[in-house]
Amino acid sequence: MGNSCCRRDELPPGYPPRWPKSSEEDFKAMEYRPVHMNKPQEYSFVTNFVKTYKYTPLTFLPRFLTEVFHPFKKAANVYFLCIAGLQCIDAISNTFGLPTMLLPLSFVVSVDAIFAILEDITRHKADKKANATPSEVYRNGERLTMTWADIEV
């Protein structure tokens, strides 16, 4: 291919520029996209791999804490965190500098974390089941059975 934007072994993408926020001009510039049966494709296509989970073991804590203390989504959590911070200032606190608000706040955040973990485990299991679903594919004149995740459209 004479396209200089791609490496030699890559094909140009099968979707318009600025995808998924493409304009009408982007769609008009890409008049058609031929899909060949039983021949190599001119464009690259995405796989059918399903990923609905939000967390991995490595990203759970930072992503969860960012979500649980987001000022617009969880304003109450941010409010109680600020109150706990102010309770640490002995001159303005009636708790002698002890952040007593951290106890109920940590309980609420812990319960929320447990529910988030359980929900994400369910998502991981559902994704694994969907990706392992056997599907029939027609390639090179014969029917093959492949997993859903391995199919490229």
Protein backbone atom coordinates (compact mmCIF):
# COMPACT_ATOMS: atom_id res chain seq x y z
CA MET A 1 0.00 0.00 0.00
CA GLY A 2 1.20 3.52 -0.70
CA ASN A 3 -0.12 4.94 2.55
CA SER A 4 2.72 6.56 4.49
CA CYS A 5 0.79 6.71 7.78
CA CYS A 6 1.06 3.01 8.41
CA ARG A 7 3.86 0.58 9.05
CA ARG A 8 4.56 -1.90 6.32
CA ASP A 9 2.77 -4.78 8.02
CA GLU A 10 -0.27 -2.68 9.03
CA LEU A 11 -3.36 -1.88 7.03
CA PRO A 12 -5.12 1.46 7.19
CA PRO A 13 -7.99 1.58 9.68
CA GLY A 14 -11.43 0.51 8.51
CA TYR A 15 -13.09 3.54 10.10
CA PRO A 16 -12.98 7.28 9.28
CA PRO A 17 -10.57 9.76 10.90
CA ARG A 18 -11.37 11.10 14.38
CA TRP A 19 -13.49 8.02 15.08
CA PRO A 20 -15.87 7.81 17.04
CA LYS A 21 -16.42 11.59 16.75
CA SER A 22 -16.17 11.76 12.99
CA SER A 23 -17.82 14.55 11.06
CA GLU A 24 -19.86 14.30 7.87
CA GLU A 25 -16.79 15.37 5.87
CA ASP A 26 -14.82 12.46 7.32
CA PHE A 27 -17.50 10.02 6.21
CA LYS A 28 -17.72 11.62 2.75
CA ALA A 29 -13.92 11.42 2.32
CA MET A 30 -14.17 7.69 2.92
CA GLU A 31 -16.73 6.95 0.22
CA TYR A 32 -16.69 3.19 0.54
CA ARG A 33 -14.82 0.43 2.28
CA PRO A 34 -14.65 -2.80 0.31
CA VAL A 35 -14.84 -6.01 2.30
CA HIS A 36 -13.44 -8.99 0.41
CA MET A 37 -14.58 -12.55 0.94
CA ASN A 38 -11.79 -15.12 1.11
CA LYS A 39 -9.14 -12.57 0.17
CA PRO A 40 -6.80 -10.38 2.20
CA GLN A 41 -8.50 -7.16 3.32
CA GLU A 42 -7.45 -3.65 2.31
CA TYR A 43 -8.31 -2.23 5.75
CA SER A 44 -7.77 -3.34 9.31
CA PHE A 45 -10.80 -4.24 11.36
CA VAL A 46 -11.33 -4.56 15.07
CA THR A 47 -11.83 -7.86 16.85
CA ASN A 48 -15.02 -8.94 18.57
CA PHE A 49 -13.25 -9.05 21.94
CA VAL A 50 -15.69 -8.00 24.68
CA LYS A 51 -14.38 -5.90 27.60
CA THR A 52 -16.93 -4.40 29.98
CA TYR A 53 -14.98 -4.57 33.22
CA LYS A 54 -13.54 -1.37 34.71
CA TYR A 55 -10.73 -2.56 36.96
CA THR A 56 -7.71 -4.82 36.99
CA PRO A 57 -5.92 -5.77 40.21
CA LEU A 58 -3.27 -3.16 39.41
CA THR A 59 -5.66 -0.29 38.63
CA PHE A 60 -8.40 -0.92 41.18
CA LEU A 61 -7.19 1.31 44.02
CA PRO A 62 -6.30 4.45 42.03
CA ARG A 63 -9.37 4.26 39.77
CA PHE A 64 -11.74 3.46 42.61
CA LEU A 65 -10.44 6.25 44.85
CA THR A 66 -10.64 8.71 41.95
CA GLU A 67 -14.27 7.73 41.39
CA VAL A 68 -15.31 7.63 45.04
CA PHE A 69 -13.85 11.09 45.77
CA HIS A 70 -14.93 12.75 42.52
CA PRO A 71 -16.27 16.17 43.59
CA PHE A 72 -19.22 16.20 41.19
CA LYS A 73 -20.30 12.56 41.40
CA LYS A 74 -19.74 11.88 45.11
CA ALA A 75 -19.93 15.31 46.70
CA ALA A 76 -20.85 13.91 50.13
CA ASN A 77 -17.64 11.87 50.29
CA VAL A 78 -15.56 14.92 49.41
CA TYR A 79 -17.44 16.99 52.00
CA PHE A 80 -16.79 14.49 54.80
CA LEU A 81 -13.14 14.16 53.74
CA CYS A 82 -12.76 17.94 54.01
CA ILE A 83 -14.45 17.92 57.42
CA ALA A 84 -12.04 15.18 58.56
CA GLY A 85 -9.14 17.33 57.35
CA LEU A 86 -10.45 20.33 59.26
CA GLN A 87 -10.85 18.20 62.38
CA CYS A 88 -7.08 17.69 62.38
CA ILE A 89 -6.56 21.40 63.09
CA ASP A 90 -6.63 21.55 66.87
CA ALA A 91 -7.40 25.28 67.06
CA ILE A 92 -10.75 24.96 65.22
CA SER A 93 -11.69 21.40 66.14
CA ASN A 94 -13.88 20.24 68.99
CA THR A 95 -12.44 16.72 68.67
CA PHE A 96 -8.98 17.69 70.02
CA GLY A 97 -7.34 17.24 66.63
CA LEU A 98 -8.70 13.73 66.01
CA PRO A 99 -10.40 13.22 62.63
CA THR A 100 -13.44 11.33 63.92
CA MET A 101 -15.22 11.72 60.57
CA LEU A 102 -12.76 9.26 59.01
CA LEU A 103 -14.39 6.31 60.78
CA PRO A 104 -17.86 6.58 59.13
CA LEU A 105 -16.30 7.78 55.87
CA SER A 106 -13.94 4.80 55.72
CA PHE A 107 -16.87 2.46 56.45
CA VAL A 108 -18.93 3.91 53.58
CA VAL A 109 -15.95 3.81 51.19
CA SER A 110 -15.11 0.23 52.22
CA VAL A 111 -18.66 -0.98 51.59
CA ASP A 112 -18.64 0.81 48.23
CA ALA A 113 -15.30 -0.85 47.38
CA ILE A 114 -16.65 -4.31 48.23
CA PHE A 115 -19.66 -3.78 45.97
CA ALA A 116 -17.41 -2.43 43.17
CA ILE A 117 -15.14 -5.50 43.44
CA LEU A 118 -18.07 -7.93 43.38
CA GLU A 119 -19.64 -6.16 40.40
CA ASP A 120 -16.36 -6.13 38.49
CA ILE A 121 -15.73 -9.82 39.19
CA THR A 122 -19.14 -10.53 37.68
CA ARG A 123 -18.21 -8.44 34.64
CA HIS A 124 -14.91 -10.33 34.23
CA LYS A 125 -16.76 -13.67 34.31
CA ALA A 126 -19.39 -12.49 31.81
CA ASP A 127 -16.69 -11.14 29.47
CA LYS A 128 -14.73 -14.38 29.66
CA LYS A 129 -17.87 -16.38 28.86
CA ALA A 130 -18.83 -14.10 25.94
CA ASN A 131 -15.31 -14.16 24.47
CA ALA A 132 -15.15 -17.96 24.70
CA THR A 133 -18.48 -18.49 22.94
CA PRO A 134 -17.96 -20.74 19.91
CA SER A 135 -18.99 -19.23 16.59
CA GLU A 136 -18.98 -20.54 13.06
CA VAL A 137 -16.96 -18.60 10.49
CA TYR A 138 -16.74 -19.06 6.73
CA ARG A 139 -13.08 -18.75 5.62
CA ASN A 140 -11.32 -19.93 2.51
CA GLY A 141 -14.35 -21.88 1.37
CA GLU A 142 -14.84 -23.84 4.57
CA ARG A 143 -16.67 -23.44 7.86
CA LEU A 144 -14.49 -23.04 10.92
CA THR A 145 -15.41 -22.90 14.57
CA MET A 146 -13.69 -20.04 16.39
CA THR A 147 -14.17 -18.27 19.67
CA TRP A 148 -16.05 -14.98 19.59
CA ALA A 149 -12.97 -12.98 20.61
CA ASP A 150 -10.90 -14.30 17.68
CA ILE A 151 -13.31 -13.17 14.98
CA GLU A 152 -12.32 -10.05 13.05
CA VAL A 153 -15.00 -8.27 11.07
